[in-house]
Amino acid sequence: MTEQATVSDAAGRPEDPAVDAWRGLLVAHSRLVPAVEADLRAAGQVPLSWYDVLLELNAAPERRLRMSELGQRVVLSRTRVSRIVDELAAAGLAERQPDEADGRSSFAVLTAAGRDALRRAWPVYREAIRRHLAAGLTVPQCRELAVLLDQVIKGAEAAAPVTVTR
């Protein structure tokens, strides 16, 4: 974005569409994630953090990922991903497998029970997204939002590698 903000808002701050978009993204995230989580919980499904990990494992080749790669895909710290995979393993939804080529790392692997849990949660997850995100948007607006967010993601990835420190 190359345009400079010049108009002031009611508080006397210069208007800045980029800052407004950033704030909107943060506020939307802070409202949507707990709402989707609550819907999953109310339906007796896996927690959202588990769902996200199961979804990434399901989409991966051989339904397995190195723990570090899984952490990048779900935007969680290595410690948090490790904890979730341990929880999933205790529930029989995933397992850890050693990386034979690199003894320092391991893979998270989706189990058949994990795929079943993902399938059961999917309708609730989809409906929660439709209700909480898409209800106030048209289909073209949803498509436009997806395109815009994809541009933001690509720009951020091109600018610097992601390092999650949560």
Protein backbone atom coordinates (compact mmCIF):
# COMPACT_ATOMS: atom_id res chain seq x y z
CA MET A 1 0.00 0.00 0.00
CA THR A 2 1.56 3.28 -1.07
CA GLU A 3 -1.12 5.84 -0.26
CA GLN A 4 -0.52 7.88 2.88
CA ALA A 5 -3.32 8.51 5.37
CA THR A 6 -4.23 12.19 5.72
CA VAL A 7 -7.76 12.44 7.11
CA SER A 8 -8.28 12.31 10.87
CA ASP A 9 -10.79 10.14 12.69
CA ALA A 10 -12.97 11.27 15.62
CA ALA A 11 -10.10 10.80 18.07
CA GLY A 12 -7.77 12.96 16.00
CA ARG A 13 -5.68 10.04 14.73
CA PRO A 14 -4.91 9.96 11.02
CA GLU A 15 -7.09 7.43 9.22
CA ASP A 16 -5.06 4.52 7.98
CA PRO A 17 -6.85 1.81 6.01
CA ALA A 18 -4.04 -0.70 6.69
CA VAL A 19 -4.31 -0.17 10.46
CA ASP A 20 -8.11 -0.40 10.21
CA ALA A 21 -7.80 -3.68 8.29
CA TRP A 22 -5.30 -5.03 10.84
CA ARG A 23 -7.58 -4.14 13.74
CA GLY A 24 -10.54 -5.71 11.93
CA LEU A 25 -8.59 -8.90 11.36
CA LEU A 26 -7.59 -9.12 15.03
CA VAL A 27 -11.08 -8.38 16.32
CA ALA A 28 -12.69 -10.82 13.88
CA HIS A 29 -10.24 -13.53 14.96
CA SER A 30 -10.88 -12.85 18.64
CA ARG A 31 -14.64 -13.22 18.10
CA LEU A 32 -14.75 -16.04 15.55
CA VAL A 33 -12.34 -18.55 17.09
CA PRO A 34 -14.16 -18.76 20.46
CA ALA A 35 -17.54 -18.94 18.68
CA VAL A 36 -16.45 -21.87 16.48
CA GLU A 37 -14.82 -23.52 19.49
CA ALA A 38 -18.05 -23.17 21.48
CA ASP A 39 -20.09 -24.74 18.69
CA LEU A 40 -17.74 -27.72 18.48
CA ARG A 41 -17.81 -28.15 22.25
CA ALA A 42 -21.63 -27.85 22.40
CA ALA A 43 -21.91 -30.61 19.78
CA GLY A 44 -19.55 -32.88 21.71
CA GLN A 45 -16.83 -32.70 19.06
CA VAL A 46 -13.06 -32.37 19.33
CA PRO A 47 -11.67 -28.96 20.38
CA LEU A 48 -10.81 -26.54 17.57
CA SER A 49 -7.05 -26.90 18.16
CA TRP A 50 -7.39 -30.67 17.80
CA TYR A 51 -9.55 -30.24 14.69
CA ASP A 52 -6.95 -28.00 13.06
CA VAL A 53 -4.17 -30.53 13.72
CA LEU A 54 -6.30 -33.43 12.49
CA LEU A 55 -7.23 -31.45 9.37
CA GLU A 56 -3.58 -30.75 8.51
CA LEU A 57 -2.56 -34.36 9.11
CA ASN A 58 -5.43 -35.58 6.95
CA ALA A 59 -4.32 -33.32 4.08
CA ALA A 60 -0.65 -34.36 4.30
CA PRO A 61 0.98 -37.07 2.20
CA GLU A 62 0.62 -40.41 4.00
CA ARG A 63 -1.40 -38.46 6.59
CA ARG A 64 1.73 -37.58 8.53
CA LEU A 65 3.90 -34.52 9.11
CA ARG A 66 7.08 -33.71 10.95
CA MET A 67 6.24 -31.95 14.18
CA SER A 68 8.01 -28.76 13.05
CA GLU A 69 6.07 -28.67 9.78
CA LEU A 70 2.82 -29.33 11.60
CA GLY A 71 3.58 -26.39 13.89
CA GLN A 72 4.02 -24.07 10.92
CA ARG A 73 0.85 -25.24 9.22
CA VAL A 74 -1.37 -24.78 12.26
CA VAL A 75 0.44 -21.64 13.45
CA LEU A 76 1.23 -22.99 16.89
CA SER A 77 4.46 -23.14 18.82
CA ARG A 78 6.46 -26.34 18.83
CA THR A 79 5.58 -26.83 22.50
CA ARG A 80 1.85 -26.35 21.91
CA VAL A 81 1.84 -28.68 18.88
CA SER A 82 3.70 -31.29 20.88
CA ARG A 83 1.14 -31.03 23.69
CA ILE A 84 -1.81 -31.33 21.29
CA VAL A 85 -0.27 -34.33 19.52
CA ASP A 86 0.26 -35.96 22.93
CA GLU A 87 -3.42 -35.31 23.76
CA LEU A 88 -4.50 -36.70 20.39
CA ALA A 89 -2.29 -39.75 20.90
CA ALA A 90 -3.78 -40.35 24.36
CA ALA A 91 -7.24 -40.20 22.75
CA GLY A 92 -6.15 -42.59 19.97
CA LEU A 93 -6.65 -39.97 17.24
CA ALA A 94 -2.98 -39.61 16.26
CA GLU A 95 0.33 -41.18 17.06
CA ARG A 96 3.96 -40.21 17.07
CA GLN A 97 6.42 -42.07 14.90
CA PRO A 98 10.16 -41.59 15.04
CA ASP A 99 11.84 -40.11 11.99
CA GLU A 100 14.25 -42.86 10.97
CA ALA A 101 16.30 -40.42 8.87
CA ASP A 102 16.62 -37.86 11.66
CA GLY A 103 16.63 -39.23 15.19
CA ARG A 104 16.03 -35.74 16.60
CA SER A 105 12.57 -35.38 15.12
CA SER A 106 9.35 -37.32 14.90
CA PHE A 107 6.21 -37.46 12.82
CA ALA A 108 2.64 -36.93 13.90
CA VAL A 109 0.47 -39.50 12.13
CA LEU A 110 -3.31 -39.50 11.79
CA THR A 111 -5.02 -42.71 12.92
CA ALA A 112 -8.24 -44.19 11.56
CA ALA A 113 -10.00 -42.97 14.71
CA GLY A 114 -8.60 -39.50 14.05
CA ARG A 115 -10.07 -39.52 10.54
CA ASP A 116 -13.41 -40.60 11.99
CA ALA A 117 -13.31 -37.77 14.55
CA LEU A 118 -12.51 -35.31 11.77
CA ARG A 119 -15.44 -36.57 9.68
CA ARG A 120 -17.83 -36.31 12.64
CA ALA A 121 -16.70 -32.77 13.48
CA TRP A 122 -16.72 -31.48 9.88
CA PRO A 123 -20.47 -30.66 9.61
CA VAL A 124 -20.38 -28.76 12.91
CA TYR A 125 -17.18 -26.93 11.90
CA ARG A 126 -18.58 -26.00 8.46
CA GLU A 127 -21.87 -24.78 9.92
CA ALA A 128 -20.06 -22.76 12.62
CA ILE A 129 -17.98 -21.02 9.95
CA ARG A 130 -21.08 -20.31 7.90
CA ARG A 131 -22.98 -18.99 10.92
CA HIS A 132 -20.22 -16.91 12.49
CA LEU A 133 -18.19 -15.74 9.48
CA ALA A 134 -20.32 -15.98 6.38
CA ALA A 135 -23.78 -15.09 7.70
CA GLY A 136 -23.21 -11.38 7.10
CA LEU A 137 -21.42 -11.82 3.78
CA THR A 138 -22.50 -12.75 0.28
CA VAL A 139 -20.84 -15.62 -1.57
CA PRO A 140 -18.86 -13.15 -3.73
CA GLN A 141 -17.73 -11.31 -0.59
CA CYS A 142 -16.56 -14.58 0.95
CA ARG A 143 -14.59 -15.31 -2.23
CA GLU A 144 -13.12 -11.80 -2.22
CA LEU A 145 -12.18 -12.09 1.44
CA ALA A 146 -10.44 -15.41 0.76
CA VAL A 147 -8.49 -13.88 -2.14
CA LEU A 148 -7.49 -10.84 -0.10
CA LEU A 149 -6.37 -12.92 2.88
CA ASP A 150 -4.41 -15.19 0.55
CA GLN A 151 -2.60 -12.11 -0.81
CA VAL A 152 -1.79 -11.01 2.74
CA ILE A 153 -0.47 -14.47 3.61
CA LYS A 154 1.70 -14.66 0.49
CA GLY A 155 3.06 -11.17 1.11
CA ALA A 156 3.89 -11.98 4.72
CA GLU A 157 5.56 -15.26 3.75
CA ALA A 158 7.61 -13.55 1.05
CA ALA A 159 8.71 -10.78 3.41
CA ALA A 160 10.04 -12.99 6.18
CA PRO A 161 9.93 -16.62 7.29
CA VAL A 162 7.34 -17.31 9.99
CA THR A 163 8.70 -18.01 13.44
CA VAL A 164 6.02 -18.72 16.02
CA THR A 165 7.10 -17.99 19.60
CA ARG A 166 3.89 -18.49 21.57
